[in-house]
């Protein structure tokens, strides 16, 4: 490389470095401005909410309200969670462990799936038949029945829990 090319290369590199230093200073200024705007915005929002809270309990004043501790769950989601846990329990211990659930499911699906309903509570039926009926009823509950029936099934199960023999309260 001759002297002229080296000179041009050095000049180009120095120009790029100087430009980068200038841009870096500009970025620092932008960052400081953004931080200041964010701080002012947070103070304004805090002051606004504080004003609404401090105004008092009279009608029309805004107050911060604590969020509920447990979000409300639809009957369908609650039933899905319950049946999922019951399926694992039945897998481990058999259908006798979830007799009340099978009876409640049989009551709910009796009109739309009478054969499945009968197989769920058949005392002379085999364990395999009850397991198959549970699987069919589980699918039937979510594919055919609606939220009203889901709430009804949950209500039956809650009533059964309250009527357990041997419970004092």
N, C-alpha and C. Protein backbone atom coordinates (compact mmCIF):
# COMPACT_ATOMS: atom_id res chain seq x y z
N UNK A 1 0.85 -1.16 0.00
CA UNK A 1 0.00 0.00 0.00
C UNK A 1 0.91 1.24 0.00
N UNK A 2 0.64 2.15 -0.90
CA UNK A 2 1.47 3.35 -0.99
C UNK A 2 1.03 4.38 0.05
N UNK A 3 1.76 5.42 0.22
CA UNK A 3 1.53 6.44 1.24
C UNK A 3 0.20 7.15 1.06
N UNK A 4 -0.17 7.42 -0.19
CA UNK A 4 -1.42 8.12 -0.46
C UNK A 4 -2.62 7.27 -0.02
N UNK A 5 -2.61 5.99 -0.29
CA UNK A 5 -3.71 5.10 0.11
C UNK A 5 -3.80 4.99 1.63
N UNK A 6 -2.64 4.93 2.29
CA UNK A 6 -2.64 4.88 3.74
C UNK A 6 -3.24 6.15 4.33
N UNK A 7 -2.90 7.27 3.76
CA UNK A 7 -3.43 8.55 4.23
C UNK A 7 -4.96 8.58 4.08
N UNK A 8 -5.46 8.15 2.94
CA UNK A 8 -6.92 8.14 2.70
C UNK A 8 -7.61 7.19 3.67
N UNK A 9 -7.01 6.01 3.90
CA UNK A 9 -7.61 5.04 4.81
C UNK A 9 -7.66 5.59 6.23
N UNK A 10 -6.56 6.22 6.69
CA UNK A 10 -6.54 6.79 8.04
C UNK A 10 -7.56 7.92 8.17
N UNK A 11 -7.66 8.75 7.17
CA UNK A 11 -8.61 9.87 7.21
C UNK A 11 -10.05 9.35 7.27
N UNK A 12 -10.33 8.31 6.52
CA UNK A 12 -11.68 7.72 6.52
C UNK A 12 -12.00 7.14 7.89
N UNK A 13 -11.05 6.40 8.46
CA UNK A 13 -11.27 5.79 9.77
C UNK A 13 -11.47 6.87 10.83
N UNK A 14 -10.65 7.91 10.81
CA UNK A 14 -10.78 8.99 11.79
C UNK A 14 -12.11 9.72 11.64
N UNK A 15 -12.58 9.90 10.43
CA UNK A 15 -13.87 10.56 10.20
C UNK A 15 -15.01 9.71 10.75
N UNK A 16 -14.92 8.40 10.53
CA UNK A 16 -15.97 7.51 11.06
C UNK A 16 -15.97 7.50 12.58
N UNK A 17 -14.79 7.49 13.20
CA UNK A 17 -14.71 7.52 14.66
C UNK A 17 -15.27 8.83 15.22
N UNK A 18 -14.96 9.93 14.59
CA UNK A 18 -15.47 11.23 15.05
C UNK A 18 -16.99 11.27 14.93
N UNK A 19 -17.51 10.76 13.83
CA UNK A 19 -18.96 10.71 13.64
C UNK A 19 -19.63 9.84 14.70
N UNK A 20 -19.01 8.71 15.01
CA UNK A 20 -19.56 7.81 16.03
C UNK A 20 -19.57 8.48 17.39
N UNK A 21 -18.50 9.24 17.72
CA UNK A 21 -18.45 9.95 19.00
C UNK A 21 -19.55 11.01 19.08
N UNK A 22 -19.79 11.70 17.98
CA UNK A 22 -20.84 12.72 17.95
C UNK A 22 -22.22 12.08 18.14
N UNK A 23 -22.45 10.95 17.46
CA UNK A 23 -23.73 10.26 17.60
C UNK A 23 -23.92 9.72 19.01
N UNK A 24 -22.83 9.25 19.62
CA UNK A 24 -22.92 8.72 20.97
C UNK A 24 -23.34 9.81 21.95
N UNK A 25 -22.82 10.99 21.80
CA UNK A 25 -23.21 12.12 22.66
C UNK A 25 -24.68 12.46 22.44
N UNK A 26 -25.14 12.41 21.20
CA UNK A 26 -26.54 12.68 20.90
C UNK A 26 -27.46 11.64 21.52
N UNK A 27 -27.02 10.39 21.49
CA UNK A 27 -27.83 9.33 22.11
C UNK A 27 -27.92 9.52 23.62
N UNK A 28 -26.84 9.94 24.21
CA UNK A 28 -26.85 10.19 25.65
C UNK A 28 -27.84 11.30 25.99
N UNK A 29 -27.85 12.36 25.21
CA UNK A 29 -28.79 13.46 25.42
C UNK A 29 -30.23 12.96 25.25
N UNK A 30 -30.48 12.16 24.20
CA UNK A 30 -31.82 11.61 23.99
C UNK A 30 -32.25 10.74 25.17
N UNK A 31 -31.34 9.91 25.66
CA UNK A 31 -31.65 9.03 26.78
C UNK A 31 -32.02 9.84 28.02
N UNK A 32 -31.28 10.92 28.28
CA UNK A 32 -31.57 11.77 29.43
C UNK A 32 -32.93 12.45 29.28
N UNK A 33 -33.24 12.92 28.08
CA UNK A 33 -34.54 13.56 27.84
C UNK A 33 -35.69 12.57 28.05
N UNK A 34 -35.52 11.36 27.53
CA UNK A 34 -36.57 10.34 27.70
C UNK A 34 -36.77 10.00 29.17
N UNK A 35 -35.69 9.86 29.91
CA UNK A 35 -35.78 9.56 31.34
C UNK A 35 -36.51 10.68 32.08
N UNK A 36 -36.22 11.92 31.72
CA UNK A 36 -36.89 13.07 32.36
C UNK A 36 -38.38 13.08 32.03
N UNK A 37 -38.72 12.83 30.75
CA UNK A 37 -40.14 12.79 30.37
C UNK A 37 -40.88 11.67 31.12
N UNK A 38 -40.25 10.50 31.24
CA UNK A 38 -40.87 9.38 31.95
C UNK A 38 -41.07 9.73 33.43
N UNK A 39 -40.09 10.37 34.04
CA UNK A 39 -40.21 10.77 35.45
C UNK A 39 -41.35 11.76 35.64
N UNK A 40 -41.45 12.76 34.74
CA UNK A 40 -42.54 13.75 34.83
C UNK A 40 -43.90 13.09 34.63
N UNK A 41 -43.97 12.14 33.68
CA UNK A 41 -45.24 11.45 33.41
C UNK A 41 -45.67 10.64 34.62
N UNK A 42 -44.71 9.93 35.25
CA UNK A 42 -45.05 9.13 36.43
C UNK A 42 -45.53 10.01 37.58
N UNK A 43 -44.88 11.14 37.78
CA UNK A 43 -45.32 12.06 38.83
C UNK A 43 -46.72 12.58 38.55
N UNK A 44 -47.01 12.90 37.30
CA UNK A 44 -48.34 13.42 36.95
C UNK A 44 -49.42 12.36 37.19
N UNK A 45 -49.15 11.14 36.78
CA UNK A 45 -50.13 10.07 36.98
C UNK A 45 -50.33 9.80 38.46
N UNK A 46 -49.25 9.75 39.22
CA UNK A 46 -49.36 9.52 40.66
C UNK A 46 -50.15 10.63 41.33
N UNK A 47 -49.86 11.87 40.96
CA UNK A 47 -50.59 13.00 41.55
C UNK A 47 -52.07 12.94 41.20
N UNK A 48 -52.38 12.55 39.97
CA UNK A 48 -53.78 12.46 39.56
C UNK A 48 -54.52 11.41 40.37
N UNK A 49 -53.94 10.23 40.52
CA UNK A 49 -54.60 9.18 41.30
C UNK A 49 -54.66 9.56 42.77
N UNK A 50 -53.62 10.19 43.26
CA UNK A 50 -53.62 10.60 44.66
C UNK A 50 -54.73 11.61 44.93
N UNK A 51 -54.97 12.51 43.98
CA UNK A 51 -56.04 13.50 44.12
C UNK A 51 -57.39 12.81 44.20
N UNK A 52 -57.61 11.80 43.35
CA UNK A 52 -58.89 11.11 43.37
C UNK A 52 -59.07 10.34 44.67
N UNK A 53 -58.02 9.76 45.20
CA UNK A 53 -58.12 9.00 46.44
C UNK A 53 -58.32 9.93 47.62
N UNK A 54 -57.65 11.08 47.63
CA UNK A 54 -57.73 12.00 48.75
C UNK A 54 -59.02 12.81 48.77
N UNK A 55 -59.79 12.80 47.68
CA UNK A 55 -61.00 13.61 47.64
C UNK A 55 -62.03 13.16 48.66
N UNK A 56 -62.01 11.94 49.07
CA UNK A 56 -62.92 11.50 50.10
C UNK A 56 -63.93 10.50 49.59
N UNK A 57 -64.77 10.02 50.51
CA UNK A 57 -65.70 8.95 50.17
C UNK A 57 -67.01 9.41 49.54
N UNK A 58 -67.18 10.72 49.29
CA UNK A 58 -68.45 11.18 48.74
C UNK A 58 -68.71 10.55 47.36
N UNK A 59 -69.94 10.58 46.96
CA UNK A 59 -70.34 9.94 45.70
C UNK A 59 -69.60 10.58 44.54
N UNK A 60 -69.18 9.78 43.63
CA UNK A 60 -68.54 10.29 42.43
C UNK A 60 -67.03 10.36 42.53
N UNK A 61 -66.48 10.21 43.72
CA UNK A 61 -65.02 10.25 43.81
C UNK A 61 -64.46 8.89 43.40
N UNK A 62 -63.30 8.93 42.84
CA UNK A 62 -62.66 7.69 42.42
C UNK A 62 -61.81 7.18 43.56
N UNK A 63 -61.87 5.91 43.78
CA UNK A 63 -61.04 5.30 44.81
C UNK A 63 -60.35 4.09 44.21
N UNK A 64 -59.15 3.86 44.68
CA UNK A 64 -58.46 2.64 44.27
C UNK A 64 -59.09 1.47 45.02
N UNK A 65 -59.41 0.44 44.29
CA UNK A 65 -60.05 -0.72 44.89
C UNK A 65 -59.10 -1.90 44.74
N UNK A 66 -58.97 -2.66 45.79
CA UNK A 66 -58.11 -3.84 45.72
C UNK A 66 -58.72 -4.86 44.77
N UNK A 67 -57.88 -5.49 44.00
CA UNK A 67 -58.34 -6.52 43.07
C UNK A 67 -58.76 -7.75 43.87
N UNK A 68 -59.74 -8.49 43.36
CA UNK A 68 -60.13 -9.71 44.07
C UNK A 68 -58.94 -10.67 44.13
N UNK A 69 -58.89 -11.41 45.21
CA UNK A 69 -57.74 -12.30 45.40
C UNK A 69 -57.76 -13.46 44.41
N UNK A 70 -58.93 -13.94 44.06
CA UNK A 70 -59.04 -15.07 43.14
C UNK A 70 -59.92 -14.65 41.98
N UNK A 71 -59.42 -14.66 40.77
CA UNK A 71 -60.26 -14.28 39.64
C UNK A 71 -61.40 -15.28 39.48
N UNK A 72 -62.57 -14.76 39.10
CA UNK A 72 -63.71 -15.64 38.94
C UNK A 72 -63.48 -16.54 37.73
N UNK A 73 -63.85 -17.79 37.90
CA UNK A 73 -63.64 -18.79 36.86
C UNK A 73 -65.02 -19.22 36.37
N UNK A 74 -65.16 -19.39 35.08
CA UNK A 74 -66.43 -19.83 34.53
C UNK A 74 -66.70 -21.26 34.96
N UNK A 75 -67.97 -21.66 35.01
CA UNK A 75 -68.28 -23.04 35.38
C UNK A 75 -67.61 -24.07 34.46
N UNK A 76 -67.49 -23.74 33.19
CA UNK A 76 -66.88 -24.67 32.25
C UNK A 76 -65.42 -24.92 32.60
N UNK A 77 -64.69 -23.87 32.92
CA UNK A 77 -63.27 -24.02 33.27
C UNK A 77 -63.13 -24.75 34.60
N UNK A 78 -63.96 -24.39 35.56
CA UNK A 78 -63.90 -25.05 36.86
C UNK A 78 -64.21 -26.54 36.73
N UNK A 79 -65.22 -26.86 35.91
CA UNK A 79 -65.58 -28.26 35.70
C UNK A 79 -64.47 -29.01 34.96
N UNK A 80 -63.84 -28.36 34.00
CA UNK A 80 -62.73 -29.00 33.27
C UNK A 80 -61.59 -29.34 34.22
N UNK A 81 -61.27 -28.43 35.11
CA UNK A 81 -60.21 -28.68 36.08
C UNK A 81 -60.59 -29.82 37.02
N UNK A 82 -61.84 -29.82 37.47
CA UNK A 82 -62.32 -30.85 38.38
C UNK A 82 -62.30 -32.23 37.71
N UNK A 83 -62.81 -32.30 36.47
CA UNK A 83 -62.84 -33.59 35.78
C UNK A 83 -61.44 -34.07 35.41
N UNK A 84 -60.54 -33.16 35.14
CA UNK A 84 -59.16 -33.55 34.85
C UNK A 84 -58.52 -34.19 36.09
N UNK A 85 -58.71 -33.55 37.24
CA UNK A 85 -58.18 -34.11 38.48
C UNK A 85 -58.84 -35.45 38.80
N UNK A 86 -60.16 -35.54 38.55
CA UNK A 86 -60.87 -36.79 38.81
C UNK A 86 -60.38 -37.90 37.89
N UNK A 87 -60.08 -37.58 36.64
CA UNK A 87 -59.58 -38.59 35.71
C UNK A 87 -58.26 -39.17 36.20
N UNK A 88 -57.38 -38.31 36.71
CA UNK A 88 -56.11 -38.81 37.25
C UNK A 88 -56.35 -39.66 38.50
N UNK A 89 -57.30 -39.25 39.32
CA UNK A 89 -57.62 -39.99 40.54
C UNK A 89 -58.22 -41.35 40.18
N UNK A 90 -59.10 -41.38 39.19
CA UNK A 90 -59.70 -42.64 38.74
C UNK A 90 -58.63 -43.55 38.15
N UNK A 91 -57.69 -42.96 37.43
CA UNK A 91 -56.61 -43.76 36.83
C UNK A 91 -55.80 -44.46 37.92
N UNK A 92 -55.58 -43.78 39.04
CA UNK A 92 -54.76 -44.35 40.10
C UNK A 92 -55.53 -45.32 40.99
N UNK A 93 -56.80 -45.00 41.29
CA UNK A 93 -57.52 -45.78 42.30
C UNK A 93 -58.78 -46.48 41.80
N UNK A 94 -59.17 -46.25 40.56
CA UNK A 94 -60.37 -46.89 40.04
C UNK A 94 -61.60 -46.01 40.19
N UNK A 95 -62.70 -46.47 39.60
CA UNK A 95 -63.92 -45.66 39.59
C UNK A 95 -64.61 -45.60 40.94
N UNK A 96 -64.33 -46.55 41.83
CA UNK A 96 -64.96 -46.54 43.15
C UNK A 96 -64.53 -45.30 43.94
N UNK A 97 -63.37 -44.78 43.67
CA UNK A 97 -62.87 -43.61 44.39
C UNK A 97 -63.66 -42.34 44.06
N UNK A 98 -64.29 -42.31 42.91
CA UNK A 98 -65.04 -41.12 42.48
C UNK A 98 -66.52 -41.47 42.23
N UNK A 99 -67.09 -42.25 43.13
CA UNK A 99 -68.47 -42.70 42.96
C UNK A 99 -69.45 -41.53 42.90
N UNK A 100 -69.28 -40.53 43.77
CA UNK A 100 -70.20 -39.38 43.77
C UNK A 100 -70.13 -38.62 42.46
N UNK A 101 -68.94 -38.46 41.92
CA UNK A 101 -68.78 -37.77 40.64
C UNK A 101 -69.47 -38.54 39.53
N UNK A 102 -69.30 -39.86 39.51
CA UNK A 102 -69.95 -40.67 38.47
C UNK A 102 -71.47 -40.58 38.57
N UNK A 103 -71.99 -40.59 39.80
CA UNK A 103 -73.45 -40.46 39.97
C UNK A 103 -73.94 -39.10 39.49
N UNK A 104 -73.20 -38.05 39.81
CA UNK A 104 -73.60 -36.70 39.38
C UNK A 104 -73.53 -36.59 37.86
N UNK A 105 -72.48 -37.13 37.26
CA UNK A 105 -72.37 -37.09 35.79
C UNK A 105 -73.50 -37.88 35.15
N UNK A 106 -73.85 -39.02 35.75
CA UNK A 106 -74.95 -39.84 35.22
C UNK A 106 -76.26 -39.06 35.26
N UNK A 107 -76.48 -38.31 36.33
CA UNK A 107 -77.70 -37.52 36.44
C UNK A 107 -77.77 -36.42 35.38
N UNK A 108 -76.64 -35.77 35.13
CA UNK A 108 -76.62 -34.66 34.18
C UNK A 108 -76.75 -35.14 32.74
N UNK A 109 -76.09 -36.24 32.38
CA UNK A 109 -76.10 -36.70 30.98
C UNK A 109 -77.23 -37.68 30.71
N UNK A 110 -78.10 -37.94 31.68
CA UNK A 110 -79.16 -38.95 31.51
C UNK A 110 -80.08 -38.65 30.34
N UNK A 111 -80.44 -37.39 30.13
CA UNK A 111 -81.37 -37.05 29.05
C UNK A 111 -80.74 -37.15 27.67
N UNK A 112 -79.48 -36.79 27.55
CA UNK A 112 -78.86 -36.75 26.23
C UNK A 112 -78.03 -37.99 25.91
N UNK A 113 -77.61 -38.74 26.92
CA UNK A 113 -76.84 -39.97 26.69
C UNK A 113 -77.26 -41.01 27.73
N UNK A 114 -78.46 -41.61 27.56
CA UNK A 114 -78.97 -42.53 28.58
C UNK A 114 -78.12 -43.79 28.76
N UNK A 115 -77.55 -44.32 27.69
CA UNK A 115 -76.72 -45.52 27.81
C UNK A 115 -75.46 -45.26 28.62
N UNK A 116 -74.84 -44.15 28.37
CA UNK A 116 -73.64 -43.77 29.12
C UNK A 116 -73.99 -43.55 30.58
N UNK A 117 -75.14 -42.91 30.81
CA UNK A 117 -75.58 -42.65 32.17
C UNK A 117 -75.79 -43.95 32.93
N UNK A 118 -76.41 -44.92 32.28
CA UNK A 118 -76.65 -46.21 32.93
C UNK A 118 -75.34 -46.94 33.20
N UNK A 119 -74.41 -46.89 32.27
CA UNK A 119 -73.14 -47.60 32.44
C UNK A 119 -72.30 -46.99 33.56
N UNK A 120 -72.44 -45.70 33.79
CA UNK A 120 -71.66 -45.05 34.84
C UNK A 120 -72.03 -45.55 36.23
N UNK A 121 -73.30 -45.85 36.44
CA UNK A 121 -73.76 -46.21 37.79
C UNK A 121 -74.21 -47.67 37.89
N UNK A 122 -73.94 -48.48 36.89
CA UNK A 122 -74.35 -49.89 36.89
C UNK A 122 -73.54 -50.66 37.93
N UNK A 123 -74.20 -51.15 38.99
CA UNK A 123 -73.45 -51.86 40.04
C UNK A 123 -72.91 -53.21 39.56
N UNK A 124 -73.56 -53.81 38.55
CA UNK A 124 -73.12 -55.11 38.05
C UNK A 124 -72.14 -54.97 36.88
N UNK A 125 -71.87 -53.75 36.43
CA UNK A 125 -70.98 -53.53 35.30
C UNK A 125 -69.52 -53.70 35.69
N UNK A 126 -68.71 -53.96 34.70
CA UNK A 126 -67.28 -54.14 34.96
C UNK A 126 -66.59 -52.78 35.10
N UNK A 127 -65.40 -52.83 35.65
CA UNK A 127 -64.60 -51.61 35.82
C UNK A 127 -64.27 -51.01 34.46
N UNK A 128 -63.97 -51.87 33.49
CA UNK A 128 -63.63 -51.39 32.15
C UNK A 128 -64.82 -50.66 31.52
N UNK A 129 -66.03 -51.17 31.74
CA UNK A 129 -67.23 -50.53 31.18
C UNK A 129 -67.44 -49.15 31.82
N UNK A 130 -67.21 -49.06 33.13
CA UNK A 130 -67.36 -47.76 33.81
C UNK A 130 -66.29 -46.78 33.34
N UNK A 131 -65.07 -47.27 33.12
CA UNK A 131 -64.01 -46.39 32.62
C UNK A 131 -64.34 -45.87 31.23
N UNK A 132 -64.84 -46.75 30.37
CA UNK A 132 -65.25 -46.31 29.02
C UNK A 132 -66.39 -45.31 29.12
N UNK A 133 -67.36 -45.60 29.98
CA UNK A 133 -68.50 -44.69 30.14
C UNK A 133 -68.05 -43.34 30.68
N UNK A 134 -67.07 -43.35 31.59
CA UNK A 134 -66.55 -42.09 32.11
C UNK A 134 -65.91 -41.28 30.99
N UNK A 135 -65.13 -41.93 30.14
CA UNK A 135 -64.51 -41.23 29.02
C UNK A 135 -65.53 -40.65 28.07
N UNK A 136 -66.57 -41.44 27.76
CA UNK A 136 -67.62 -40.96 26.86
C UNK A 136 -68.38 -39.81 27.51
N UNK A 137 -68.71 -39.95 28.79
CA UNK A 137 -69.45 -38.89 29.49
C UNK A 137 -68.60 -37.62 29.60
N UNK A 138 -67.32 -37.78 29.83
CA UNK A 138 -66.42 -36.63 29.91
C UNK A 138 -66.44 -35.85 28.60
N UNK A 139 -66.31 -36.54 27.49
CA UNK A 139 -66.38 -35.88 26.19
C UNK A 139 -67.75 -35.30 25.92
N UNK A 140 -68.80 -36.02 26.32
CA UNK A 140 -70.17 -35.59 26.08
C UNK A 140 -70.47 -34.29 26.85
N UNK A 141 -69.97 -34.21 28.07
CA UNK A 141 -70.22 -33.02 28.89
C UNK A 141 -69.70 -31.76 28.20
N UNK A 142 -68.52 -31.86 27.58
CA UNK A 142 -67.94 -30.67 26.97
C UNK A 142 -68.33 -30.47 25.51
N UNK A 143 -68.65 -31.54 24.80
CA UNK A 143 -69.00 -31.40 23.39
C UNK A 143 -70.47 -31.08 23.18
N UNK A 144 -71.34 -31.65 23.99
CA UNK A 144 -72.79 -31.53 23.76
C UNK A 144 -73.45 -30.57 24.74
N UNK A 145 -73.10 -30.68 26.00
CA UNK A 145 -73.76 -29.87 27.03
C UNK A 145 -73.15 -28.48 27.09
N UNK A 146 -73.93 -27.54 27.61
CA UNK A 146 -73.48 -26.15 27.66
C UNK A 146 -73.15 -25.70 29.07
N UNK A 147 -72.88 -24.40 29.22
CA UNK A 147 -72.49 -23.86 30.53
C UNK A 147 -73.56 -24.04 31.61
N UNK A 148 -74.83 -24.05 31.22
CA UNK A 148 -75.89 -24.24 32.21
C UNK A 148 -75.79 -25.63 32.84
N UNK A 149 -75.56 -26.65 32.00
CA UNK A 149 -75.42 -28.01 32.53
C UNK A 149 -74.12 -28.15 33.32
N UNK A 150 -73.08 -27.44 32.91
CA UNK A 150 -71.82 -27.48 33.66
C UNK A 150 -72.04 -26.93 35.07
N UNK A 151 -72.76 -25.81 35.17
CA UNK A 151 -73.05 -25.23 36.48
C UNK A 151 -73.92 -26.18 37.30
N UNK A 152 -74.86 -26.85 36.63
CA UNK A 152 -75.73 -27.80 37.32
C UNK A 152 -74.90 -28.96 37.89
N UNK A 153 -73.98 -29.48 37.12
CA UNK A 153 -73.12 -30.58 37.59
C UNK A 153 -72.27 -30.13 38.77
N UNK A 154 -71.72 -28.93 38.70
CA UNK A 154 -70.94 -28.41 39.83
C UNK A 154 -71.81 -28.24 41.07
N UNK A 155 -73.04 -27.80 40.87
CA UNK A 155 -73.96 -27.63 42.00
C UNK A 155 -74.28 -28.98 42.65
N UNK A 156 -74.51 -30.00 41.83
CA UNK A 156 -74.78 -31.34 42.37
C UNK A 156 -73.58 -31.83 43.17
N UNK A 157 -72.39 -31.61 42.63
CA UNK A 157 -71.18 -32.07 43.33
C UNK A 157 -70.98 -31.32 44.64
N UNK A 158 -71.27 -30.02 44.67
CA UNK A 158 -71.15 -29.26 45.91
C UNK A 158 -72.17 -29.73 46.94
N UNK A 159 -73.39 -30.03 46.50
CA UNK A 159 -74.41 -30.55 47.42
C UNK A 159 -73.99 -31.90 47.97
N UNK A 160 -73.41 -32.75 47.13
CA UNK A 160 -72.95 -34.06 47.60
C UNK A 160 -71.83 -33.91 48.61
N UNK A 161 -70.96 -32.93 48.43
CA UNK A 161 -69.87 -32.72 49.38
C UNK A 161 -70.41 -32.29 50.74
N UNK A 162 -71.51 -31.54 50.74
CA UNK A 162 -72.09 -31.10 52.01
C UNK A 162 -72.80 -32.23 52.73
N UNK A 163 -73.27 -33.24 52.00
CA UNK A 163 -74.04 -34.33 52.60
C UNK A 163 -73.19 -35.56 52.88
N UNK A 164 -71.89 -35.42 52.98
CA UNK A 164 -71.04 -36.57 53.23
C UNK A 164 -71.35 -37.14 54.61
N UNK A 165 -71.52 -38.46 54.70
CA UNK A 165 -71.77 -39.05 56.01
C UNK A 165 -70.52 -38.95 56.88
N UNK A 166 -70.74 -38.71 58.15
CA UNK A 166 -69.63 -38.62 59.07
C UNK A 166 -69.07 -37.22 59.23
N UNK A 167 -69.60 -36.27 58.46
CA UNK A 167 -69.14 -34.88 58.61
C UNK A 167 -69.93 -34.20 59.71
N UNK A 168 -69.25 -33.47 60.55
CA UNK A 168 -69.91 -32.80 61.66
C UNK A 168 -70.54 -31.50 61.20
N UNK A 169 -69.80 -30.72 60.43
CA UNK A 169 -70.33 -29.42 60.02
C UNK A 169 -70.46 -29.35 58.52
